[in-house]
């Protein structure tokens, strides 16, 4: 029986370390921009759910601005790759969901201001 010390150490993270990892993941998501709107996907409101287990596995549910978006087949892999590059992330899985449909109401106030919607 082999012991994976890296996995064990990640499972025993202090809550503060988990919060720090979450902030690093969010920062990585802010580095990914929607291909049609020049705004990052996190502040655009495309990330519906972000879960990080103690071992460092990240599960994301996200949507796109429209079901017919031409990058629907490839964009989740782009997001997954960005998250996997975050120090402390063991693995990442991105699920594309369409319910509820995305609306402009999901954008942050800063994004609405940036796009002239306020």
PDB file of N, CA and C in Angstrom:
ATOM      1  N   UNK A   1       0.849  -1.176   0.000  1.00  0.00           N
ATOM      2  CA  UNK A   1       0.000   0.000   0.000  1.00  0.00           C
ATOM      3  C   UNK A   1       0.899   1.246   0.000  1.00  0.00           C
ATOM      4  N   UNK A   2       0.670   2.130  -0.973  1.00  0.00           N
ATOM      5  CA  UNK A   2       1.487   3.338  -1.030  1.00  0.00           C
ATOM      6  C   UNK A   2       0.725   4.493  -0.387  1.00  0.00           C
ATOM      7  N   UNK A   3       1.457   5.394   0.188  1.00  0.00           N
ATOM      8  CA  UNK A   3       0.870   6.544   0.862  1.00  0.00           C
ATOM      9  C   UNK A   3       1.191   7.792   0.049  1.00  0.00           C
ATOM     10  N   UNK A   4       0.163   8.484  -0.389  1.00  0.00           N
ATOM     11  CA  UNK A   4       0.355   9.714  -1.153  1.00  0.00           C
ATOM     12  C   UNK A   4       0.385  10.875  -0.168  1.00  0.00           C
ATOM     13  N   UNK A   5       1.603  11.291   0.197  1.00  0.00           N
ATOM     14  CA  UNK A   5       1.758  12.337   1.210  1.00  0.00           C
ATOM     15  C   UNK A   5       1.230  13.679   0.725  1.00  0.00           C
ATOM     16  N   UNK A   6       1.350  13.966  -0.560  1.00  0.00           N
ATOM     17  CA  UNK A   6       0.848  15.232  -1.089  1.00  0.00           C
ATOM     18  C   UNK A   6      -0.666  15.306  -0.914  1.00  0.00           C
ATOM     19  N   UNK A   7      -1.350  14.230  -1.275  1.00  0.00           N
ATOM     20  CA  UNK A   7      -2.809  14.206  -1.144  1.00  0.00           C
ATOM     21  C   UNK A   7      -3.214  14.300   0.330  1.00  0.00           C
ATOM     22  N   UNK A   8      -2.502  13.596   1.187  1.00  0.00           N
ATOM     23  CA  UNK A   8      -2.804  13.622   2.616  1.00  0.00           C
ATOM     24  C   UNK A   8      -2.628  15.035   3.172  1.00  0.00           C
ATOM     25  N   UNK A   9      -1.555  15.696   2.797  1.00  0.00           N
ATOM     26  CA  UNK A   9      -1.306  17.063   3.272  1.00  0.00           C
ATOM     27  C   UNK A   9      -2.403  18.004   2.806  1.00  0.00           C
ATOM     28  N   UNK A  10      -2.853  17.852   1.561  1.00  0.00           N
ATOM     29  CA  UNK A  10      -3.914  18.720   1.044  1.00  0.00           C
ATOM     30  C   UNK A  10      -5.231  18.470   1.777  1.00  0.00           C
ATOM     31  N   UNK A  11      -5.478  17.225   2.147  1.00  0.00           N
ATOM     32  CA  UNK A  11      -6.714  16.904   2.856  1.00  0.00           C
ATOM     33  C   UNK A  11      -6.721  17.503   4.255  1.00  0.00           C
ATOM     34  N   UNK A  12      -5.557  17.773   4.819  1.00  0.00           N
ATOM     35  CA  UNK A  12      -5.465  18.291   6.177  1.00  0.00           C
ATOM     36  C   UNK A  12      -5.245  19.806   6.206  1.00  0.00           C
ATOM     37  N   UNK A  13      -5.601  20.487   5.103  1.00  0.00           N
ATOM     38  CA  UNK A  13      -5.443  21.941   5.047  1.00  0.00           C
ATOM     39  C   UNK A  13      -6.247  22.611   6.152  1.00  0.00           C
ATOM     40  N   UNK A  14      -5.705  23.683   6.664  1.00  0.00           N
ATOM     41  CA  UNK A  14      -6.475  24.510   7.591  1.00  0.00           C
ATOM     42  C   UNK A  14      -7.523  25.262   6.790  1.00  0.00           C
ATOM     43  N   UNK A  15      -8.652  25.634   7.405  1.00  0.00           N
ATOM     44  CA  UNK A  15      -9.685  26.378   6.678  1.00  0.00           C
ATOM     45  C   UNK A  15      -9.147  27.634   6.003  1.00  0.00           C
ATOM     46  N   UNK A  16      -8.198  28.305   6.638  1.00  0.00           N
ATOM     47  CA  UNK A  16      -7.636  29.514   6.033  1.00  0.00           C
ATOM     48  C   UNK A  16      -6.956  29.176   4.712  1.00  0.00           C
ATOM     49  N   UNK A  17      -6.272  28.033   4.662  1.00  0.00           N
ATOM     50  CA  UNK A  17      -5.625  27.624   3.428  1.00  0.00           C
ATOM     51  C   UNK A  17      -6.670  27.339   2.361  1.00  0.00           C
ATOM     52  N   UNK A  18      -7.797  26.764   2.745  1.00  0.00           N
ATOM     53  CA  UNK A  18      -8.886  26.512   1.808  1.00  0.00           C
ATOM     54  C   UNK A  18      -9.437  27.807   1.255  1.00  0.00           C
ATOM     55  N   UNK A  19      -9.578  28.826   2.113  1.00  0.00           N
ATOM     56  CA  UNK A  19     -10.048  30.134   1.667  1.00  0.00           C
ATOM     57  C   UNK A  19      -9.040  30.774   0.720  1.00  0.00           C
ATOM     58  N   UNK A  20      -7.765  30.611   1.012  1.00  0.00           N
ATOM     59  CA  UNK A  20      -6.724  31.160   0.141  1.00  0.00           C
ATOM     60  C   UNK A  20      -6.756  30.474  -1.217  1.00  0.00           C
ATOM     61  N   UNK A  21      -6.948  29.162  -1.234  1.00  0.00           N
ATOM     62  CA  UNK A  21      -7.027  28.426  -2.483  1.00  0.00           C
ATOM     63  C   UNK A  21      -8.240  28.888  -3.284  1.00  0.00           C
ATOM     64  N   UNK A  22      -9.351  29.078  -2.611  1.00  0.00           N
ATOM     65  CA  UNK A  22     -10.560  29.560  -3.293  1.00  0.00           C
ATOM     66  C   UNK A  22     -10.296  30.915  -3.955  1.00  0.00           C
ATOM     67  N   UNK A  23      -9.612  31.801  -3.244  1.00  0.00           N
ATOM     68  CA  UNK A  23      -9.307  33.118  -3.809  1.00  0.00           C
ATOM     69  C   UNK A  23      -8.360  32.999  -5.011  1.00  0.00           C
ATOM     70  N   UNK A  24      -7.415  32.076  -4.958  1.00  0.00           N
ATOM     71  CA  UNK A  24      -6.516  31.874  -6.099  1.00  0.00           C
ATOM     72  C   UNK A  24      -7.268  31.310  -7.303  1.00  0.00           C
ATOM     73  N   UNK A  25      -8.220  30.421  -7.047  1.00  0.00           N
ATOM     74  CA  UNK A  25      -9.030  29.864  -8.130  1.00  0.00           C
ATOM     75  C   UNK A  25      -9.886  30.969  -8.747  1.00  0.00           C
ATOM     76  N   UNK A  26     -10.500  31.794  -7.918  1.00  0.00           N
ATOM     77  CA  UNK A  26     -11.311  32.914  -8.420  1.00  0.00           C
ATOM     78  C   UNK A  26     -10.431  33.854  -9.249  1.00  0.00           C
ATOM     79  N   UNK A  27      -9.213  34.111  -8.782  1.00  0.00           N
ATOM     80  CA  UNK A  27      -8.301  34.967  -9.540  1.00  0.00           C
ATOM     81  C   UNK A  27      -7.997  34.353 -10.902  1.00  0.00           C
ATOM     82  N   UNK A  28      -7.821  33.038 -10.946  1.00  0.00           N
ATOM     83  CA  UNK A  28      -7.581  32.360 -12.224  1.00  0.00           C
ATOM     84  C   UNK A  28      -8.795  32.484 -13.138  1.00  0.00           C
ATOM     85  N   UNK A  29      -9.991  32.355 -12.561  1.00  0.00           N
ATOM     86  CA  UNK A  29     -11.213  32.498 -13.353  1.00  0.00           C
ATOM     87  C   UNK A  29     -11.344  33.922 -13.897  1.00  0.00           C
ATOM     88  N   UNK A  30     -10.885  34.878 -13.120  1.00  0.00           N
ATOM     89  CA  UNK A  30     -10.904  36.267 -13.585  1.00  0.00           C
ATOM     90  C   UNK A  30      -9.890  36.501 -14.711  1.00  0.00           C
ATOM     91  N   UNK A  31      -8.988  35.587 -14.910  1.00  0.00           N
ATOM     92  CA  UNK A  31      -8.031  35.679 -16.006  1.00  0.00           C
ATOM     93  C   UNK A  31      -8.551  35.101 -17.311  1.00  0.00           C
ATOM     94  N   UNK A  32      -9.735  34.476 -17.263  1.00  0.00           N
ATOM     95  CA  UNK A  32     -10.348  33.899 -18.460  1.00  0.00           C
ATOM     96  C   UNK A  32     -11.458  34.839 -18.917  1.00  0.00           C
ATOM     97  N   UNK A  33     -11.365  35.276 -20.159  1.00  0.00           N
ATOM     98  CA  UNK A  33     -12.343  36.234 -20.671  1.00  0.00           C
ATOM     99  C   UNK A  33     -13.303  35.585 -21.659  1.00  0.00           C
ATOM    100  N   UNK A  34     -14.538  36.035 -21.597  1.00  0.00           N
ATOM    101  CA  UNK A  34     -15.552  35.596 -22.540  1.00  0.00           C
ATOM    102  C   UNK A  34     -15.090  35.976 -23.943  1.00  0.00           C
ATOM    103  N   UNK A  35     -15.230  35.075 -24.911  1.00  0.00           N
ATOM    104  CA  UNK A  35     -14.738  35.383 -26.252  1.00  0.00           C
ATOM    105  C   UNK A  35     -15.557  36.454 -26.987  1.00  0.00           C
ATOM    106  N   UNK A  36     -16.772  36.714 -26.539  1.00  0.00           N
ATOM    107  CA  UNK A  36     -17.614  37.687 -27.234  1.00  0.00           C
ATOM    108  C   UNK A  36     -17.743  39.017 -26.492  1.00  0.00           C
ATOM    109  N   UNK A  37     -17.620  38.971 -25.187  1.00  0.00           N
ATOM    110  CA  UNK A  37     -17.726  40.177 -24.369  1.00  0.00           C
ATOM    111  C   UNK A  37     -16.384  40.341 -23.663  1.00  0.00           C
ATOM    112  N   UNK A  38     -15.746  41.494 -23.747  1.00  0.00           N
ATOM    113  CA  UNK A  38     -14.391  41.646 -23.187  1.00  0.00           C
ATOM    114  C   UNK A  38     -14.373  41.749 -21.659  1.00  0.00           C
ATOM    115  N   UNK A  39     -14.924  40.738 -21.001  1.00  0.00           N
ATOM    116  CA  UNK A  39     -15.031  40.714 -19.540  1.00  0.00           C
ATOM    117  C   UNK A  39     -14.689  39.315 -19.065  1.00  0.00           C
ATOM    118  N   UNK A  40     -14.105  39.221 -17.864  1.00  0.00           N
ATOM    119  CA  UNK A  40     -13.769  37.897 -17.337  1.00  0.00           C
ATOM    120  C   UNK A  40     -15.031  37.132 -16.962  1.00  0.00           C
ATOM    121  N   UNK A  41     -14.923  35.817 -17.023  1.00  0.00           N
ATOM    122  CA  UNK A  41     -16.099  34.967 -16.834  1.00  0.00           C
ATOM    123  C   UNK A  41     -16.649  34.980 -15.412  1.00  0.00           C
ATOM    124  N   UNK A  42     -15.797  35.257 -14.436  1.00  0.00           N
ATOM    125  CA  UNK A  42     -16.266  35.277 -13.050  1.00  0.00           C
ATOM    126  C   UNK A  42     -17.164  36.491 -12.807  1.00  0.00           C
ATOM    127  N   UNK A  43     -16.681  37.672 -13.154  1.00  0.00           N
ATOM    128  CA  UNK A  43     -17.466  38.885 -12.929  1.00  0.00           C
ATOM    129  C   UNK A  43     -18.627  39.020 -13.903  1.00  0.00           C
ATOM    130  N   UNK A  44     -18.547  38.303 -15.023  1.00  0.00           N
ATOM    131  CA  UNK A  44     -19.653  38.291 -15.967  1.00  0.00           C
ATOM    132  C   UNK A  44     -20.817  37.467 -15.431  1.00  0.00           C
ATOM    133  N   UNK A  45     -20.534  36.635 -14.431  1.00  0.00           N
ATOM    134  CA  UNK A  45     -21.586  35.823 -13.810  1.00  0.00           C
ATOM    135  C   UNK A  45     -21.783  34.475 -14.474  1.00  0.00           C
ATOM    136  N   UNK A  46     -20.779  34.003 -15.179  1.00  0.00           N
ATOM    137  CA  UNK A  46     -20.899  32.712 -15.858  1.00  0.00           C
ATOM    138  C   UNK A  46     -20.589  31.527 -14.943  1.00  0.00           C
ATOM    139  N   UNK A  47     -19.982  31.784 -13.793  1.00  0.00           N
ATOM    140  CA  UNK A  47     -19.670  30.714 -12.845  1.00  0.00           C
ATOM    141  C   UNK A  47     -20.848  30.582 -11.881  1.00  0.00           C
ATOM    142  N   UNK A  48     -21.556  29.484 -11.977  1.00  0.00           N
ATOM    143  CA  UNK A  48     -22.724  29.257 -11.128  1.00  0.00           C
ATOM    144  C   UNK A  48     -22.367  28.568  -9.815  1.00  0.00           C
ATOM    145  N   UNK A  49     -21.345  27.718  -9.858  1.00  0.00           N
ATOM    146  CA  UNK A  49     -20.981  26.981  -8.646  1.00  0.00           C
ATOM    147  C   UNK A  49     -19.484  26.700  -8.663  1.00  0.00           C
ATOM    148  N   UNK A  50     -18.870  26.877  -7.503  1.00  0.00           N
ATOM    149  CA  UNK A  50     -17.440  26.628  -7.348  1.00  0.00           C
ATOM    150  C   UNK A  50     -17.246  25.880  -6.037  1.00  0.00           C
ATOM    151  N   UNK A  51     -16.900  24.609  -6.141  1.00  0.00           N
ATOM    152  CA  UNK A  51     -16.657  23.777  -4.958  1.00  0.00           C
ATOM    153  C   UNK A  51     -15.215  23.299  -4.977  1.00  0.00           C
ATOM    154  N   UNK A  52     -14.578  23.348  -3.816  1.00  0.00           N
ATOM    155  CA  UNK A  52     -13.215  22.865  -3.683  1.00  0.00           C
ATOM    156  C   UNK A  52     -13.178  21.921  -2.491  1.00  0.00           C
ATOM    157  N   UNK A  53     -12.805  20.665  -2.747  1.00  0.00           N
ATOM    158  CA  UNK A  53     -12.738  19.722  -1.623  1.00  0.00           C
ATOM    159  C   UNK A  53     -11.384  19.862  -0.921  1.00  0.00           C
ATOM    160  N   UNK A  54     -11.253  19.298   0.261  1.00  0.00           N
ATOM    161  CA  UNK A  54     -10.008  19.439   1.034  1.00  0.00           C
ATOM    162  C   UNK A  54      -8.763  18.901   0.323  1.00  0.00           C
ATOM    163  N   UNK A  55      -8.956  17.994  -0.623  1.00  0.00           N
ATOM    164  CA  UNK A  55      -7.809  17.436  -1.339  1.00  0.00           C
ATOM    165  C   UNK A  55      -7.319  18.363  -2.448  1.00  0.00           C
ATOM    166  N   UNK A  56      -8.104  19.398  -2.764  1.00  0.00           N
ATOM    167  CA  UNK A  56      -7.701  20.332  -3.815  1.00  0.00           C
ATOM    168  C   UNK A  56      -8.345  20.064  -5.160  1.00  0.00           C
ATOM    169  N   UNK A  57      -9.409  19.270  -5.177  1.00  0.00           N
ATOM    170  CA  UNK A  57     -10.149  19.032  -6.409  1.00  0.00           C
ATOM    171  C   UNK A  57     -11.238  20.089  -6.540  1.00  0.00           C
ATOM    172  N   UNK A  58     -11.272  20.741  -7.694  1.00  0.00           N
ATOM    173  CA  UNK A  58     -12.206  21.833  -7.938  1.00  0.00           C
ATOM    174  C   UNK A  58     -13.301  21.358  -8.883  1.00  0.00           C
ATOM    175  N   UNK A  59     -14.550  21.629  -8.512  1.00  0.00           N
ATOM    176  CA  UNK A  59     -15.703  21.325  -9.358  1.00  0.00           C
ATOM    177  C   UNK A  59     -16.415  22.639  -9.662  1.00  0.00           C
ATOM    178  N   UNK A  60     -16.617  22.897 -10.936  1.00  0.00           N
ATOM    179  CA  UNK A  60     -17.235  24.148 -11.366  1.00  0.00           C
ATOM    180  C   UNK A  60     -18.432  23.848 -12.245  1.00  0.00           C
ATOM    181  N   UNK A  61     -19.520  24.557 -11.978  1.00  0.00           N
ATOM    182  CA  UNK A  61     -20.646  24.588 -12.900  1.00  0.00           C
ATOM    183  C   UNK A  61     -20.661  25.984 -13.491  1.00  0.00           C
ATOM    184  N   UNK A  62     -20.675  26.042 -14.806  1.00  0.00           N
ATOM    185  CA  UNK A  62     -20.673  27.337 -15.462  1.00  0.00           C
ATOM    186  C   UNK A  62     -21.643  27.316 -16.640  1.00  0.00           C
ATOM    187  N   UNK A  63     -21.932  28.492 -17.126  1.00  0.00           N
ATOM    188  CA  UNK A  63     -22.778  28.617 -18.294  1.00  0.00           C
ATOM    189  C   UNK A  63     -22.082  29.527 -19.289  1.00  0.00           C
ATOM    190  N   UNK A  64     -22.738  29.776 -20.380  1.00  0.00           N
ATOM    191  CA  UNK A  64     -22.268  30.730 -21.373  1.00  0.00           C
ATOM    192  C   UNK A  64     -23.385  31.740 -21.593  1.00  0.00           C
ATOM    193  N   UNK A  65     -23.071  32.824 -22.271  1.00  0.00           N
ATOM    194  CA  UNK A  65     -24.083  33.874 -22.447  1.00  0.00           C
ATOM    195  C   UNK A  65     -25.233  33.429 -23.322  1.00  0.00           C
ATOM    196  N   UNK A  66     -25.003  32.430 -24.183  1.00  0.00           N
ATOM    197  CA  UNK A  66     -26.074  31.919 -25.048  1.00  0.00           C
ATOM    198  C   UNK A  66     -25.799  30.456 -25.380  1.00  0.00           C
ATOM    199  N   UNK A  67     -26.843  29.635 -25.451  1.00  0.00           N
ATOM    200  CA  UNK A  67     -26.646  28.216 -25.768  1.00  0.00           C
ATOM    201  C   UNK A  67     -25.972  27.995 -27.121  1.00  0.00           C
ATOM    202  N   UNK A  68     -26.160  28.890 -28.056  1.00  0.00           N
ATOM    203  CA  UNK A  68     -25.567  28.734 -29.380  1.00  0.00           C
ATOM    204  C   UNK A  68     -24.166  29.283 -29.485  1.00  0.00           C
ATOM    205  N   UNK A  69     -23.549  29.602 -28.369  1.00  0.00           N
ATOM    206  CA  UNK A  69     -22.205  30.173 -28.362  1.00  0.00           C
ATOM    207  C   UNK A  69     -21.254  29.229 -29.105  1.00  0.00           C
ATOM    208  N   UNK A  70     -20.478  29.745 -30.051  1.00  0.00           N
ATOM    209  CA  UNK A  70     -19.611  28.875 -30.853  1.00  0.00           C
ATOM    210  C   UNK A  70     -18.490  28.184 -30.082  1.00  0.00           C
ATOM    211  N   UNK A  71     -18.181  28.640 -28.879  1.00  0.00           N
ATOM    212  CA  UNK A  71     -17.109  28.004 -28.104  1.00  0.00           C
ATOM    213  C   UNK A  71     -17.639  27.011 -27.067  1.00  0.00           C
ATOM    214  N   UNK A  72     -18.920  26.701 -27.136  1.00  0.00           N
ATOM    215  CA  UNK A  72     -19.526  25.815 -26.130  1.00  0.00           C
ATOM    216  C   UNK A  72     -18.792  24.476 -26.023  1.00  0.00           C
ATOM    217  N   UNK A  73     -18.271  23.974 -27.116  1.00  0.00           N
ATOM    218  CA  UNK A  73     -17.594  22.679 -27.093  1.00  0.00           C
ATOM    219  C   UNK A  73     -16.181  22.720 -26.538  1.00  0.00           C
ATOM    220  N   UNK A  74     -15.541  23.895 -26.568  1.00  0.00           N
ATOM    221  CA  UNK A  74     -14.139  23.971 -26.167  1.00  0.00           C
ATOM    222  C   UNK A  74     -13.873  24.841 -24.939  1.00  0.00           C
ATOM    223  N   UNK A  75     -14.762  25.772 -24.658  1.00  0.00           N
ATOM    224  CA  UNK A  75     -14.495  26.731 -23.592  1.00  0.00           C
ATOM    225  C   UNK A  75     -14.388  26.097 -22.204  1.00  0.00           C
ATOM    226  N   UNK A  76     -15.221  25.110 -21.856  1.00  0.00           N
ATOM    227  CA  UNK A  76     -15.050  24.484 -20.534  1.00  0.00           C
ATOM    228  C   UNK A  76     -13.645  23.914 -20.334  1.00  0.00           C
ATOM    229  N   UNK A  77     -13.045  23.365 -21.363  1.00  0.00           N
ATOM    230  CA  UNK A  77     -11.679  22.839 -21.245  1.00  0.00           C
ATOM    231  C   UNK A  77     -10.682  23.970 -21.014  1.00  0.00           C
ATOM    232  N   UNK A  78     -10.936  25.127 -21.605  1.00  0.00           N
ATOM    233  CA  UNK A  78     -10.080  26.296 -21.390  1.00  0.00           C
ATOM    234  C   UNK A  78     -10.127  26.715 -19.925  1.00  0.00           C
ATOM    235  N   UNK A  79     -11.334  26.730 -19.368  1.00  0.00           N
ATOM    236  CA  UNK A  79     -11.518  27.103 -17.968  1.00  0.00           C
ATOM    237  C   UNK A  79     -10.855  26.069 -17.065  1.00  0.00           C
ATOM    238  N   UNK A  80     -11.062  24.815 -17.371  1.00  0.00           N
ATOM    239  CA  UNK A  80     -10.462  23.732 -16.590  1.00  0.00           C
ATOM    240  C   UNK A  80      -8.937  23.850 -16.567  1.00  0.00           C
ATOM    241  N   UNK A  81      -8.361  24.131 -17.695  1.00  0.00           N
ATOM    242  CA  UNK A  81      -6.907  24.268 -17.798  1.00  0.00           C
ATOM    243  C   UNK A  81      -6.406  25.434 -16.937  1.00  0.00           C
ATOM    244  N   UNK A  82      -7.117  26.558 -16.974  1.00  0.00           N
ATOM    245  CA  UNK A  82      -6.718  27.723 -16.173  1.00  0.00           C
ATOM    246  C   UNK A  82      -6.752  27.403 -14.686  1.00  0.00           C
ATOM    247  N   UNK A  83      -7.755  26.652 -14.259  1.00  0.00           N
ATOM    248  CA  UNK A  83      -7.900  26.317 -12.836  1.00  0.00           C
ATOM    249  C   UNK A  83      -6.858  25.284 -12.416  1.00  0.00           C
ATOM    250  N   UNK A  84      -6.567  24.333 -13.274  1.00  0.00           N
ATOM    251  CA  UNK A  84      -5.575  23.308 -12.945  1.00  0.00           C
ATOM    252  C   UNK A  84      -4.184  23.899 -12.744  1.00  0.00           C
ATOM    253  N   UNK A  85      -3.927  25.062 -13.311  1.00  0.00           N
ATOM    254  CA  UNK A  85      -2.615  25.715 -13.181  1.00  0.00           C
ATOM    255  C   UNK A  85      -2.438  26.424 -11.843  1.00  0.00           C
ATOM    256  N   UNK A  86      -3.497  26.520 -11.058  1.00  0.00           N
ATOM    257  CA  UNK A  86      -3.427  27.210  -9.764  1.00  0.00           C
ATOM    258  C   UNK A  86      -2.683  26.334  -8.763  1.00  0.00           C
ATOM    259  N   UNK A  87      -1.642  26.878  -8.107  1.00  0.00           N
ATOM    260  CA  UNK A  87      -0.941  26.101  -7.085  1.00  0.00           C
ATOM    261  C   UNK A  87      -1.910  25.645  -5.990  1.00  0.00           C
ATOM    262  N   UNK A  88      -1.865  24.363  -5.670  1.00  0.00           N
ATOM    263  CA  UNK A  88      -2.745  23.807  -4.654  1.00  0.00           C
ATOM    264  C   UNK A  88      -3.941  23.072  -5.232  1.00  0.00           C
ATOM    265  N   UNK A  89      -4.190  23.242  -6.526  1.00  0.00           N
ATOM    266  CA  UNK A  89      -5.293  22.520  -7.176  1.00  0.00           C
ATOM    267  C   UNK A  89      -4.764  21.178  -7.656  1.00  0.00           C
ATOM    268  N   UNK A  90      -5.386  20.119  -7.178  1.00  0.00           N
ATOM    269  CA  UNK A  90      -4.996  18.765  -7.557  1.00  0.00           C
ATOM    270  C   UNK A  90      -5.625  18.386  -8.894  1.00  0.00           C
ATOM    271  N   UNK A  91      -6.893  18.759  -9.077  1.00  0.00           N
ATOM    272  CA  UNK A  91      -7.620  18.432 -10.304  1.00  0.00           C
ATOM    273  C   UNK A  91      -8.793  19.394 -10.428  1.00  0.00           C
ATOM    274  N   UNK A  92      -9.346  19.495 -11.623  1.00  0.00           N
ATOM    275  CA  UNK A  92     -10.493  20.379 -11.849  1.00  0.00           C
ATOM    276  C   UNK A  92     -11.425  19.753 -12.876  1.00  0.00           C
ATOM    277  N   UNK A  93     -12.711  19.972 -12.648  1.00  0.00           N
ATOM    278  CA  UNK A  93     -13.749  19.478 -13.554  1.00  0.00           C
ATOM    279  C   UNK A  93     -14.739  20.611 -13.777  1.00  0.00           C
ATOM    280  N   UNK A  94     -15.029  20.889 -15.037  1.00  0.00           N
ATOM    281  CA  UNK A  94     -15.968  21.958 -15.387  1.00  0.00           C
ATOM    282  C   UNK A  94     -17.161  21.331 -16.084  1.00  0.00           C
ATOM    283  N   UNK A  95     -18.342  21.660 -15.582  1.00  0.00           N
ATOM    284  CA  UNK A  95     -19.587  21.196 -16.176  1.00  0.00           C
ATOM    285  C   UNK A  95     -20.318  22.413 -16.747  1.00  0.00           C
ATOM    286  N   UNK A  96     -20.714  22.309 -17.998  1.00  0.00           N
ATOM    287  CA  UNK A  96     -21.465  23.371 -18.648  1.00  0.00           C
ATOM    288  C   UNK A  96     -22.949  23.134 -18.408  1.00  0.00           C
ATOM    289  N   UNK A  97     -23.630  24.127 -17.839  1.00  0.00           N
ATOM    290  CA  UNK A  97     -25.061  24.006 -17.550  1.00  0.00           C
ATOM    291  C   UNK A  97     -25.803  25.166 -18.214  1.00  0.00           C
ATOM    292  N   UNK A  98     -27.094  24.963 -18.455  1.00  0.00           N
ATOM    293  CA  UNK A  98     -27.898  25.999 -19.117  1.00  0.00           C
ATOM    294  C   UNK A  98     -29.071  26.454 -18.261  1.00  0.00           C
ATOM    295  N   UNK A  99     -29.203  25.892 -17.083  1.00  0.00           N
ATOM    296  CA  UNK A  99     -30.319  26.245 -16.217  1.00  0.00           C
ATOM    297  C   UNK A  99     -29.778  26.708 -14.874  1.00  0.00           C
ATOM    298  N   UNK A 100     -30.053  27.911 -14.454  1.00  0.00           N
ATOM    299  CA  UNK A 100     -30.913  28.882 -15.128  1.00  0.00           C
ATOM    300  C   UNK A 100     -30.160  29.555 -16.281  1.00  0.00           C
ATOM    301  N   UNK A 101     -30.901  30.040 -17.271  1.00  0.00           N
ATOM    302  CA  UNK A 101     -30.242  30.754 -18.367  1.00  0.00           C
ATOM    303  C   UNK A 101     -29.544  32.006 -17.843  1.00  0.00           C
ATOM    304  N   UNK A 102     -28.401  32.329 -18.434  1.00  0.00           N
ATOM    305  CA  UNK A 102     -27.658  33.519 -18.045  1.00  0.00           C
ATOM    306  C   UNK A 102     -28.418  34.766 -18.468  1.00  0.00           C
ATOM    307  N   UNK A 103     -28.380  35.777 -17.596  1.00  0.00           N
ATOM    308  CA  UNK A 103     -28.939  37.091 -17.924  1.00  0.00           C
ATOM    309  C   UNK A 103     -27.953  38.158 -17.459  1.00  0.00           C
ATOM    310  N   UNK A 104     -28.145  39.365 -17.926  1.00  0.00           N
ATOM    311  CA  UNK A 104     -27.272  40.462 -17.526  1.00  0.00           C
ATOM    312  C   UNK A 104     -27.345  40.737 -16.027  1.00  0.00           C
ATOM    313  N   UNK A 105     -28.389  40.293 -15.378  1.00  0.00           N
ATOM    314  CA  UNK A 105     -28.527  40.493 -13.934  1.00  0.00           C
ATOM    315  C   UNK A 105     -27.430  39.769 -13.154  1.00  0.00           C
ATOM    316  N   UNK A 106     -26.782  38.791 -13.759  1.00  0.00           N
ATOM    317  CA  UNK A 106     -25.749  38.020 -13.076  1.00  0.00           C
ATOM    318  C   UNK A 106     -24.376  38.698 -13.118  1.00  0.00           C
ATOM    319  N   UNK A 107     -24.264  39.778 -13.865  1.00  0.00           N
ATOM    320  CA  UNK A 107     -23.002  40.510 -13.937  1.00  0.00           C
ATOM    321  C   UNK A 107     -22.802  41.319 -12.657  1.00  0.00           C
ATOM    322  N   UNK A 108     -21.541  41.496 -12.286  1.00  0.00           N
ATOM    323  CA  UNK A 108     -21.243  42.353 -11.139  1.00  0.00           C
ATOM    324  C   UNK A 108     -21.556  43.800 -11.514  1.00  0.00           C
ATOM    325  N   UNK A 109     -21.738  44.621 -10.482  1.00  0.00           N
ATOM    326  CA  UNK A 109     -22.014  46.047 -10.714  1.00  0.00           C
ATOM    327  C   UNK A 109     -20.863  46.696 -11.483  1.00  0.00           C
ATOM    328  N   UNK A 110     -19.636  46.297 -11.177  1.00  0.00           N
ATOM    329  CA  UNK A 110     -18.464  46.858 -11.847  1.00  0.00           C
ATOM    330  C   UNK A 110     -18.496  46.556 -13.353  1.00  0.00           C
ATOM    331  N   UNK A 111     -18.909  45.364 -13.704  1.00  0.00           N
ATOM    332  CA  UNK A 111     -18.990  44.982 -15.114  1.00  0.00           C
ATOM    333  C   UNK A 111     -20.101  45.760 -15.811  1.00  0.00           C
ATOM    334  N   UNK A 112     -21.229  45.886 -15.140  1.00  0.00           N
ATOM    335  CA  UNK A 112     -22.329  46.657 -15.730  1.00  0.00           C
ATOM    336  C   UNK A 112     -21.888  48.096 -15.984  1.00  0.00           C
ATOM    337  N   UNK A 113     -21.148  48.640 -15.055  1.00  0.00           N
ATOM    338  CA  UNK A 113     -20.630  50.007 -15.213  1.00  0.00           C
ATOM    339  C   UNK A 113     -19.630  50.068 -16.370  1.00  0.00           C
ATOM    340  N   UNK A 114     -18.731  49.087 -16.422  1.00  0.00           N
ATOM    341  CA  UNK A 114     -17.718  49.007 -17.485  1.00  0.00           C
ATOM    342  C   UNK A 114     -18.368  48.932 -18.867  1.00  0.00           C
ATOM    343  N   UNK A 115     -19.477  48.198 -18.972  1.00  0.00           N
ATOM    344  CA  UNK A 115     -20.137  48.020 -20.263  1.00  0.00           C
ATOM    345  C   UNK A 115     -21.181  49.099 -20.552  1.00  0.00           C
ATOM    346  N   UNK A 116     -21.303  50.062 -19.635  1.00  0.00           N
ATOM    347  CA  UNK A 116     -22.238  51.156 -19.852  1.00  0.00           C
ATOM    348  C   UNK A 116     -23.698  50.775 -19.633  1.00  0.00           C
ATOM    349  N   UNK A 117     -23.922  49.782 -18.801  1.00  0.00           N
ATOM    350  CA  UNK A 117     -25.286  49.316 -18.541  1.00  0.00           C
ATOM    351  C   UNK A 117     -25.887  49.946 -17.282  1.00  0.00           C
ATOM    352  N   UNK A 118     -25.140  50.798 -16.608  1.00  0.00           N
ATOM    353  CA  UNK A 118     -25.640  51.506 -15.421  1.00  0.00           C
ATOM    354  C   UNK A 118     -25.658  52.992 -15.671  1.00  0.00           C
TER     355      UNK A 118
END
